[in-house]
N, C-alpha and C. Protein backbone atom coordinates (compact mmCIF):
# COMPACT_ATOMS: atom_id res chain seq x y z
N MET A 1 -9.65 -97.60 -12.98
CA MET A 1 -10.87 -96.84 -13.10
C MET A 1 -11.67 -97.01 -11.81
N SER A 2 -12.03 -95.93 -11.21
CA SER A 2 -12.76 -95.98 -9.95
C SER A 2 -14.26 -96.09 -10.20
N ALA A 3 -14.98 -96.46 -9.16
CA ALA A 3 -16.43 -96.62 -9.27
C ALA A 3 -17.10 -95.27 -9.54
N THR A 4 -16.55 -94.20 -8.97
CA THR A 4 -17.17 -92.89 -9.21
C THR A 4 -16.99 -92.45 -10.65
N SER A 5 -15.88 -92.77 -11.25
CA SER A 5 -15.66 -92.43 -12.65
C SER A 5 -16.65 -93.16 -13.54
N LYS A 6 -16.92 -94.43 -13.22
CA LYS A 6 -17.89 -95.22 -13.99
C LYS A 6 -19.29 -94.67 -13.81
N ASP A 7 -19.62 -94.26 -12.58
CA ASP A 7 -20.96 -93.73 -12.32
C ASP A 7 -21.19 -92.40 -13.04
N VAL A 8 -20.15 -91.63 -13.24
CA VAL A 8 -20.28 -90.36 -13.94
C VAL A 8 -20.41 -90.59 -15.45
N LYS A 9 -19.71 -91.57 -15.99
CA LYS A 9 -19.70 -91.79 -17.43
C LYS A 9 -20.98 -92.43 -17.94
N LEU A 10 -21.65 -93.29 -17.18
CA LEU A 10 -22.87 -93.93 -17.65
C LEU A 10 -24.02 -92.94 -17.89
N PRO A 11 -24.29 -92.00 -16.99
CA PRO A 11 -25.34 -91.02 -17.31
C PRO A 11 -25.00 -90.18 -18.54
N ARG A 12 -23.72 -89.85 -18.72
CA ARG A 12 -23.33 -89.11 -19.92
C ARG A 12 -23.52 -89.97 -21.16
N LEU A 13 -23.20 -91.25 -21.06
CA LEU A 13 -23.42 -92.16 -22.18
C LEU A 13 -24.91 -92.23 -22.50
N PHE A 14 -25.73 -92.34 -21.47
CA PHE A 14 -27.17 -92.38 -21.67
C PHE A 14 -27.66 -91.12 -22.37
N GLN A 15 -27.22 -89.96 -21.91
CA GLN A 15 -27.64 -88.70 -22.53
C GLN A 15 -27.14 -88.60 -23.97
N SER A 16 -25.94 -89.06 -24.22
CA SER A 16 -25.39 -89.03 -25.58
C SER A 16 -26.16 -89.96 -26.50
N LEU A 17 -26.50 -91.14 -26.01
CA LEU A 17 -27.28 -92.08 -26.82
C LEU A 17 -28.67 -91.54 -27.12
N LEU A 18 -29.29 -90.91 -26.13
CA LEU A 18 -30.61 -90.34 -26.33
C LEU A 18 -30.56 -89.22 -27.37
N LEU A 19 -29.55 -88.36 -27.26
CA LEU A 19 -29.39 -87.29 -28.24
C LEU A 19 -29.10 -87.85 -29.63
N ALA A 20 -28.26 -88.88 -29.72
CA ALA A 20 -27.96 -89.50 -31.01
C ALA A 20 -29.21 -90.13 -31.63
N ASP A 21 -30.04 -90.75 -30.81
CA ASP A 21 -31.28 -91.33 -31.32
C ASP A 21 -32.20 -90.25 -31.88
N ILE A 22 -32.30 -89.13 -31.19
CA ILE A 22 -33.15 -88.04 -31.66
C ILE A 22 -32.62 -87.47 -32.97
N VAL A 23 -31.32 -87.20 -33.03
CA VAL A 23 -30.73 -86.61 -34.24
C VAL A 23 -30.85 -87.57 -35.41
N LEU A 24 -30.52 -88.84 -35.20
CA LEU A 24 -30.59 -89.81 -36.29
C LEU A 24 -32.03 -90.02 -36.76
N SER A 25 -32.98 -90.03 -35.85
CA SER A 25 -34.38 -90.21 -36.24
C SER A 25 -34.87 -89.05 -37.10
N VAL A 26 -34.56 -87.83 -36.69
CA VAL A 26 -34.98 -86.66 -37.45
C VAL A 26 -34.28 -86.62 -38.80
N LEU A 27 -32.99 -86.91 -38.82
CA LEU A 27 -32.23 -86.92 -40.07
C LEU A 27 -32.76 -87.97 -41.03
N LEU A 28 -33.02 -89.16 -40.52
CA LEU A 28 -33.55 -90.23 -41.37
C LEU A 28 -34.95 -89.89 -41.90
N ALA A 29 -35.77 -89.26 -41.07
CA ALA A 29 -37.12 -88.88 -41.53
C ALA A 29 -37.03 -87.86 -42.67
N CYS A 30 -36.17 -86.87 -42.52
CA CYS A 30 -36.01 -85.86 -43.58
C CYS A 30 -35.45 -86.46 -44.86
N LEU A 31 -34.43 -87.29 -44.74
CA LEU A 31 -33.82 -87.89 -45.92
C LEU A 31 -34.75 -88.90 -46.59
N THR A 32 -35.54 -89.62 -45.81
CA THR A 32 -36.49 -90.57 -46.38
C THR A 32 -37.59 -89.84 -47.14
N MET A 33 -38.04 -88.70 -46.63
CA MET A 33 -39.05 -87.93 -47.37
C MET A 33 -38.47 -87.45 -48.71
N GLN A 34 -37.20 -87.04 -48.70
CA GLN A 34 -36.56 -86.63 -49.95
C GLN A 34 -36.46 -87.80 -50.91
N PHE A 35 -36.09 -88.98 -50.38
CA PHE A 35 -35.99 -90.18 -51.22
C PHE A 35 -37.35 -90.55 -51.80
N ASP A 36 -38.39 -90.50 -50.99
CA ASP A 36 -39.73 -90.84 -51.47
C ASP A 36 -40.19 -89.89 -52.57
N SER A 37 -39.89 -88.60 -52.43
CA SER A 37 -40.31 -87.65 -53.48
C SER A 37 -39.56 -87.91 -54.78
N GLN A 38 -38.28 -88.27 -54.69
CA GLN A 38 -37.52 -88.60 -55.90
C GLN A 38 -38.05 -89.89 -56.52
N LEU A 39 -38.42 -90.85 -55.69
CA LEU A 39 -38.96 -92.11 -56.20
C LEU A 39 -40.29 -91.89 -56.90
N GLN A 40 -41.15 -91.07 -56.31
CA GLN A 40 -42.44 -90.78 -56.94
C GLN A 40 -42.25 -90.05 -58.26
N ALA A 41 -41.27 -89.14 -58.34
CA ALA A 41 -40.99 -88.43 -59.59
C ALA A 41 -40.49 -89.41 -60.65
N ALA A 42 -39.65 -90.36 -60.26
CA ALA A 42 -39.15 -91.35 -61.21
C ALA A 42 -40.27 -92.26 -61.70
N ILE A 43 -41.17 -92.63 -60.81
CA ILE A 43 -42.31 -93.48 -61.21
C ILE A 43 -43.22 -92.71 -62.16
N ALA A 44 -43.46 -91.43 -61.87
CA ALA A 44 -44.31 -90.62 -62.74
C ALA A 44 -43.67 -90.44 -64.11
N ALA A 45 -42.35 -90.22 -64.15
CA ALA A 45 -41.65 -90.07 -65.43
C ALA A 45 -41.69 -91.37 -66.22
N GLU A 46 -41.54 -92.48 -65.53
CA GLU A 46 -41.57 -93.79 -66.19
C GLU A 46 -42.96 -94.09 -66.72
N SER A 47 -43.98 -93.71 -65.99
CA SER A 47 -45.34 -94.03 -66.43
C SER A 47 -45.77 -93.16 -67.61
N THR A 48 -45.21 -91.94 -67.75
CA THR A 48 -45.54 -91.12 -68.92
C THR A 48 -44.77 -91.56 -70.14
N ALA A 49 -43.59 -92.14 -69.98
CA ALA A 49 -42.77 -92.56 -71.11
C ALA A 49 -43.22 -93.91 -71.67
N ALA A 50 -43.76 -94.76 -70.84
CA ALA A 50 -44.16 -96.10 -71.26
C ALA A 50 -45.66 -96.24 -71.11
N PRO A 51 -46.23 -97.28 -71.70
CA PRO A 51 -47.66 -97.51 -71.48
C PRO A 51 -47.92 -97.73 -69.98
N PRO A 52 -49.08 -97.29 -69.49
CA PRO A 52 -49.35 -97.42 -68.05
C PRO A 52 -49.33 -98.87 -67.60
N SER A 53 -48.70 -99.06 -66.47
CA SER A 53 -48.61 -100.37 -65.85
C SER A 53 -49.24 -100.28 -64.47
N PRO A 54 -50.02 -101.27 -64.07
CA PRO A 54 -50.65 -101.18 -62.74
C PRO A 54 -49.64 -101.12 -61.61
N ALA A 55 -48.46 -101.72 -61.78
CA ALA A 55 -47.46 -101.73 -60.72
C ALA A 55 -46.82 -100.36 -60.55
N LEU A 56 -46.76 -99.56 -61.62
CA LEU A 56 -46.08 -98.26 -61.54
C LEU A 56 -47.03 -97.09 -61.45
N SER A 57 -48.33 -97.34 -61.43
CA SER A 57 -49.28 -96.23 -61.42
C SER A 57 -49.31 -95.56 -60.06
N VAL A 58 -49.42 -94.25 -60.10
CA VAL A 58 -49.52 -93.47 -58.88
C VAL A 58 -51.00 -93.12 -58.70
N PRO A 59 -51.63 -93.51 -57.59
CA PRO A 59 -53.06 -93.24 -57.43
C PRO A 59 -53.32 -91.74 -57.36
N ALA A 60 -54.42 -91.32 -57.98
CA ALA A 60 -54.78 -89.91 -58.00
C ALA A 60 -55.29 -89.46 -56.64
N SER A 61 -56.02 -90.30 -55.96
CA SER A 61 -56.53 -89.94 -54.64
C SER A 61 -56.00 -90.94 -53.62
N PRO A 62 -55.83 -90.48 -52.37
CA PRO A 62 -55.31 -91.40 -51.36
C PRO A 62 -56.30 -92.52 -51.06
N ARG A 63 -55.77 -93.70 -50.90
CA ARG A 63 -56.59 -94.84 -50.53
C ARG A 63 -56.71 -94.90 -49.01
N LEU A 64 -57.61 -95.73 -48.57
CA LEU A 64 -57.84 -95.87 -47.13
C LEU A 64 -56.58 -96.38 -46.43
N LEU A 65 -55.86 -97.29 -47.07
CA LEU A 65 -54.63 -97.82 -46.48
C LEU A 65 -53.56 -96.74 -46.36
N ASP A 66 -53.49 -95.84 -47.35
CA ASP A 66 -52.53 -94.74 -47.28
C ASP A 66 -52.85 -93.80 -46.13
N VAL A 67 -54.11 -93.50 -45.95
CA VAL A 67 -54.53 -92.62 -44.86
C VAL A 67 -54.26 -93.29 -43.51
N ALA A 68 -54.54 -94.58 -43.41
CA ALA A 68 -54.27 -95.31 -42.17
C ALA A 68 -52.77 -95.34 -41.87
N ALA A 69 -51.95 -95.53 -42.90
CA ALA A 69 -50.50 -95.53 -42.70
C ALA A 69 -50.02 -94.16 -42.24
N LEU A 70 -50.57 -93.09 -42.82
CA LEU A 70 -50.19 -91.74 -42.42
C LEU A 70 -50.57 -91.46 -40.97
N VAL A 71 -51.77 -91.88 -40.57
CA VAL A 71 -52.20 -91.70 -39.19
C VAL A 71 -51.29 -92.48 -38.24
N LEU A 72 -50.94 -93.71 -38.63
CA LEU A 72 -50.04 -94.53 -37.82
C LEU A 72 -48.67 -93.88 -37.66
N VAL A 73 -48.17 -93.29 -38.73
CA VAL A 73 -46.87 -92.61 -38.66
C VAL A 73 -46.93 -91.44 -37.69
N PHE A 74 -48.01 -90.66 -37.74
CA PHE A 74 -48.13 -89.52 -36.83
C PHE A 74 -48.30 -89.98 -35.38
N VAL A 75 -49.04 -91.04 -35.15
CA VAL A 75 -49.20 -91.56 -33.79
C VAL A 75 -47.86 -92.07 -33.25
N MET A 76 -47.13 -92.80 -34.10
CA MET A 76 -45.83 -93.31 -33.65
C MET A 76 -44.83 -92.17 -33.42
N ALA A 77 -44.88 -91.13 -34.25
CA ALA A 77 -43.98 -89.99 -34.06
C ALA A 77 -44.30 -89.27 -32.74
N ALA A 78 -45.57 -89.09 -32.45
CA ALA A 78 -45.96 -88.44 -31.18
C ALA A 78 -45.55 -89.30 -30.00
N THR A 79 -45.73 -90.61 -30.12
CA THR A 79 -45.32 -91.53 -29.05
C THR A 79 -43.81 -91.50 -28.86
N GLN A 80 -43.08 -91.40 -29.96
CA GLN A 80 -41.62 -91.32 -29.87
C GLN A 80 -41.20 -90.05 -29.13
N LEU A 81 -41.83 -88.94 -29.43
CA LEU A 81 -41.52 -87.69 -28.72
C LEU A 81 -41.80 -87.80 -27.23
N VAL A 82 -42.94 -88.39 -26.89
CA VAL A 82 -43.29 -88.56 -25.48
C VAL A 82 -42.27 -89.46 -24.78
N SER A 83 -41.85 -90.53 -25.44
CA SER A 83 -40.88 -91.44 -24.80
C SER A 83 -39.52 -90.77 -24.64
N TRP A 84 -39.11 -89.95 -25.61
CA TRP A 84 -37.84 -89.23 -25.47
C TRP A 84 -37.87 -88.26 -24.29
N VAL A 85 -38.97 -87.54 -24.14
CA VAL A 85 -39.09 -86.60 -23.02
C VAL A 85 -39.08 -87.37 -21.70
N GLY A 86 -39.82 -88.47 -21.65
CA GLY A 86 -39.84 -89.28 -20.44
C GLY A 86 -38.48 -89.87 -20.11
N LEU A 87 -37.76 -90.33 -21.12
CA LEU A 87 -36.41 -90.85 -20.89
C LEU A 87 -35.48 -89.76 -20.39
N PHE A 88 -35.61 -88.57 -20.94
CA PHE A 88 -34.77 -87.46 -20.50
C PHE A 88 -35.02 -87.14 -19.02
N TRP A 89 -36.28 -87.25 -18.59
CA TRP A 89 -36.62 -86.96 -17.20
C TRP A 89 -36.57 -88.21 -16.33
N HIS A 90 -36.05 -89.32 -16.84
CA HIS A 90 -35.86 -90.56 -16.10
C HIS A 90 -37.17 -91.10 -15.51
N ARG A 91 -38.19 -91.15 -16.30
CA ARG A 91 -39.47 -91.71 -15.87
C ARG A 91 -39.50 -93.19 -16.18
N ASN A 92 -40.02 -93.98 -15.26
CA ASN A 92 -40.06 -95.43 -15.42
C ASN A 92 -40.91 -95.85 -16.60
N TRP A 93 -42.05 -95.21 -16.79
CA TRP A 93 -42.95 -95.57 -17.88
C TRP A 93 -42.31 -95.31 -19.24
N ALA A 94 -41.37 -94.36 -19.31
CA ALA A 94 -40.79 -93.98 -20.59
C ALA A 94 -39.93 -95.10 -21.18
N ARG A 95 -39.21 -95.81 -20.33
CA ARG A 95 -38.37 -96.88 -20.88
C ARG A 95 -39.23 -98.02 -21.42
N TRP A 96 -40.37 -98.28 -20.78
CA TRP A 96 -41.27 -99.32 -21.28
C TRP A 96 -41.99 -98.85 -22.55
N LEU A 97 -42.34 -97.59 -22.59
CA LEU A 97 -42.95 -97.03 -23.80
C LEU A 97 -41.96 -97.08 -24.96
N TYR A 98 -40.70 -96.74 -24.71
CA TYR A 98 -39.66 -96.77 -25.74
C TYR A 98 -39.45 -98.20 -26.23
N LEU A 99 -39.41 -99.15 -25.32
CA LEU A 99 -39.26 -100.56 -25.70
C LEU A 99 -40.45 -101.03 -26.54
N GLY A 100 -41.66 -100.70 -26.11
CA GLY A 100 -42.85 -101.09 -26.86
C GLY A 100 -42.89 -100.45 -28.23
N LEU A 101 -42.47 -99.20 -28.31
CA LEU A 101 -42.45 -98.50 -29.60
C LEU A 101 -41.46 -99.15 -30.56
N LEU A 102 -40.28 -99.48 -30.07
CA LEU A 102 -39.29 -100.13 -30.94
C LEU A 102 -39.75 -101.51 -31.37
N LEU A 103 -40.37 -102.26 -30.46
CA LEU A 103 -40.89 -103.58 -30.84
C LEU A 103 -42.02 -103.45 -31.86
N GLY A 104 -42.87 -102.45 -31.67
CA GLY A 104 -43.94 -102.22 -32.64
C GLY A 104 -43.40 -101.79 -34.00
N GLU A 105 -42.38 -100.96 -33.97
CA GLU A 105 -41.76 -100.52 -35.22
C GLU A 105 -41.15 -101.69 -35.98
N ARG A 106 -40.47 -102.56 -35.26
CA ARG A 106 -39.87 -103.73 -35.90
C ARG A 106 -40.95 -104.74 -36.28
N GLY A 107 -42.00 -104.83 -35.48
CA GLY A 107 -43.11 -105.74 -35.79
C GLY A 107 -43.83 -105.34 -37.07
N LEU A 108 -43.91 -104.04 -37.34
CA LEU A 108 -44.55 -103.58 -38.58
C LEU A 108 -43.70 -103.93 -39.81
N GLN A 109 -42.41 -104.13 -39.60
CA GLN A 109 -41.56 -104.49 -40.73
C GLN A 109 -41.77 -105.94 -41.16
N LEU A 110 -42.31 -106.77 -40.28
CA LEU A 110 -42.52 -108.18 -40.63
C LEU A 110 -43.52 -108.37 -41.77
N PRO A 111 -44.74 -107.82 -41.67
CA PRO A 111 -45.67 -108.06 -42.79
C PRO A 111 -45.35 -107.23 -44.03
N PHE A 112 -44.72 -106.07 -43.85
CA PHE A 112 -44.49 -105.18 -44.99
C PHE A 112 -43.08 -105.28 -45.56
N GLY A 113 -42.19 -105.96 -44.86
CA GLY A 113 -40.81 -106.09 -45.34
C GLY A 113 -39.98 -104.90 -44.89
N ALA A 114 -38.69 -105.13 -44.86
CA ALA A 114 -37.77 -104.06 -44.48
C ALA A 114 -37.68 -103.04 -45.61
N TYR A 115 -37.58 -101.79 -45.25
CA TYR A 115 -37.50 -100.72 -46.24
C TYR A 115 -36.09 -100.68 -46.78
N SER A 116 -35.94 -100.79 -48.08
CA SER A 116 -34.62 -100.75 -48.71
C SER A 116 -34.52 -99.50 -49.57
N TYR A 117 -33.43 -98.80 -49.46
CA TYR A 117 -33.26 -97.56 -50.19
C TYR A 117 -32.67 -97.78 -51.58
N GLY A 118 -32.24 -98.98 -51.89
CA GLY A 118 -31.67 -99.25 -53.21
C GLY A 118 -30.17 -99.09 -53.22
N LEU A 119 -29.60 -99.32 -54.38
CA LEU A 119 -28.15 -99.32 -54.50
C LEU A 119 -27.53 -97.94 -54.32
N ASP A 120 -28.27 -96.89 -54.68
CA ASP A 120 -27.70 -95.55 -54.60
C ASP A 120 -27.81 -94.92 -53.22
N TRP A 121 -28.42 -95.62 -52.28
CA TRP A 121 -28.70 -95.02 -50.99
C TRP A 121 -28.04 -95.77 -49.84
N HIS A 122 -26.77 -96.14 -50.02
CA HIS A 122 -26.04 -96.83 -48.94
C HIS A 122 -25.91 -95.95 -47.71
N PHE A 123 -25.85 -94.65 -47.91
CA PHE A 123 -25.73 -93.72 -46.79
C PHE A 123 -26.93 -93.84 -45.85
N LEU A 124 -28.14 -93.90 -46.42
CA LEU A 124 -29.33 -94.02 -45.58
C LEU A 124 -29.42 -95.38 -44.89
N ASP A 125 -29.01 -96.43 -45.60
CA ASP A 125 -28.97 -97.75 -44.96
C ASP A 125 -28.00 -97.74 -43.78
N GLY A 126 -26.85 -97.12 -43.97
CA GLY A 126 -25.88 -97.01 -42.89
C GLY A 126 -26.41 -96.21 -41.71
N LEU A 127 -27.09 -95.10 -42.02
CA LEU A 127 -27.67 -94.29 -40.94
C LEU A 127 -28.75 -95.04 -40.17
N SER A 128 -29.58 -95.79 -40.90
CA SER A 128 -30.64 -96.53 -40.20
C SER A 128 -30.04 -97.65 -39.35
N GLN A 129 -28.99 -98.30 -39.84
CA GLN A 129 -28.33 -99.32 -39.02
C GLN A 129 -27.66 -98.71 -37.79
N LEU A 130 -27.08 -97.52 -37.96
CA LEU A 130 -26.49 -96.81 -36.82
C LEU A 130 -27.56 -96.46 -35.78
N ARG A 131 -28.73 -96.05 -36.25
CA ARG A 131 -29.83 -95.75 -35.33
C ARG A 131 -30.29 -97.01 -34.60
N TYR A 132 -30.39 -98.14 -35.31
CA TYR A 132 -30.79 -99.39 -34.66
C TYR A 132 -29.80 -99.76 -33.56
N GLN A 133 -28.52 -99.61 -33.83
CA GLN A 133 -27.50 -99.92 -32.82
C GLN A 133 -27.60 -98.96 -31.64
N CYS A 134 -27.86 -97.70 -31.93
CA CYS A 134 -28.01 -96.70 -30.88
C CYS A 134 -29.22 -97.03 -30.00
N CYS A 135 -30.32 -97.43 -30.62
CA CYS A 135 -31.53 -97.80 -29.87
C CYS A 135 -31.28 -99.01 -28.99
N GLY A 136 -30.59 -100.01 -29.53
CA GLY A 136 -30.28 -101.20 -28.75
C GLY A 136 -29.39 -100.90 -27.56
N THR A 137 -28.38 -100.07 -27.78
CA THR A 137 -27.49 -99.69 -26.69
C THR A 137 -28.22 -98.86 -25.66
N LEU A 138 -29.13 -98.00 -26.11
CA LEU A 138 -29.93 -97.21 -25.18
C LEU A 138 -30.83 -98.10 -24.32
N LEU A 139 -31.43 -99.12 -24.93
CA LEU A 139 -32.26 -100.05 -24.17
C LEU A 139 -31.43 -100.82 -23.14
N VAL A 140 -30.25 -101.27 -23.53
CA VAL A 140 -29.39 -101.97 -22.57
C VAL A 140 -29.02 -101.04 -21.43
N THR A 141 -28.75 -99.78 -21.75
CA THR A 141 -28.37 -98.81 -20.72
C THR A 141 -29.50 -98.57 -19.73
N VAL A 142 -30.74 -98.45 -20.20
CA VAL A 142 -31.83 -98.12 -19.27
C VAL A 142 -32.37 -99.34 -18.53
N PHE A 143 -32.05 -100.56 -18.99
CA PHE A 143 -32.58 -101.75 -18.33
C PHE A 143 -31.52 -102.53 -17.54
N PHE A 144 -30.24 -102.46 -17.92
CA PHE A 144 -29.27 -103.39 -17.34
C PHE A 144 -28.02 -102.73 -16.76
N THR A 145 -28.01 -101.44 -16.51
CA THR A 145 -26.83 -100.79 -15.93
C THR A 145 -27.24 -100.06 -14.66
N SER A 146 -26.29 -99.34 -14.08
CA SER A 146 -26.59 -98.59 -12.86
C SER A 146 -27.51 -97.41 -13.13
N VAL A 147 -27.70 -97.03 -14.38
CA VAL A 147 -28.64 -95.96 -14.73
C VAL A 147 -30.07 -96.41 -14.44
N THR A 148 -30.31 -97.72 -14.40
CA THR A 148 -31.64 -98.27 -14.16
C THR A 148 -32.22 -97.77 -12.84
N ALA A 149 -31.37 -97.53 -11.85
CA ALA A 149 -31.86 -97.07 -10.54
C ALA A 149 -32.58 -95.72 -10.65
N ARG A 150 -32.21 -94.91 -11.62
CA ARG A 150 -32.87 -93.61 -11.80
C ARG A 150 -34.28 -93.76 -12.37
N PHE A 151 -34.58 -94.92 -12.94
CA PHE A 151 -35.87 -95.15 -13.59
C PHE A 151 -36.85 -95.94 -12.72
N GLN A 152 -36.56 -96.11 -11.47
CA GLN A 152 -37.47 -96.86 -10.61
C GLN A 152 -38.76 -96.08 -10.43
N PRO A 153 -39.87 -96.81 -10.25
CA PRO A 153 -41.17 -96.13 -10.12
C PRO A 153 -41.18 -95.16 -8.95
N GLU A 154 -41.88 -94.06 -9.17
CA GLU A 154 -42.01 -93.08 -8.12
C GLU A 154 -43.00 -93.58 -7.08
N THR A 155 -42.68 -93.42 -5.82
CA THR A 155 -43.59 -93.83 -4.76
C THR A 155 -44.31 -92.60 -4.23
N VAL A 156 -45.59 -92.75 -4.03
CA VAL A 156 -46.40 -91.66 -3.50
C VAL A 156 -46.57 -91.88 -2.01
N VAL A 157 -46.17 -90.91 -1.23
CA VAL A 157 -46.27 -91.01 0.22
C VAL A 157 -47.52 -90.24 0.65
N GLY A 158 -48.33 -90.90 1.46
CA GLY A 158 -49.47 -90.17 2.00
C GLY A 158 -50.76 -90.81 1.85
């Protein structure tokens, strides 16, 4: 394998990983929304069949924490879009933004626990694990390979 062959394959790998991260993120978001709606329907059906339980009650109006979580999700989604565009255009700030976003995403799982889809949702667990591996490989590619040279800070002359 020649050096030129390796240099050609790494940018393609980077582009493929970036595309895989985008596709998996969108797919997981859509499937998770479907799962959440089914879960809410099951909770509502359970609460009408049995006496009301505080653990299974669905609040009639959104609480402040729910609104804050929704705002956080939209901010993180917008940040994710910005980092993907920056990574596509090989901007130095984008790889740091992507790293910070992933660390923040994993940091939020610490106090709230990892999201589990249950026994019937092995497919979603597998997809989320595949996305985590894709993100890790993408980070290694942008920080520790020859692709890193494309992400060096732009110098302003003048």
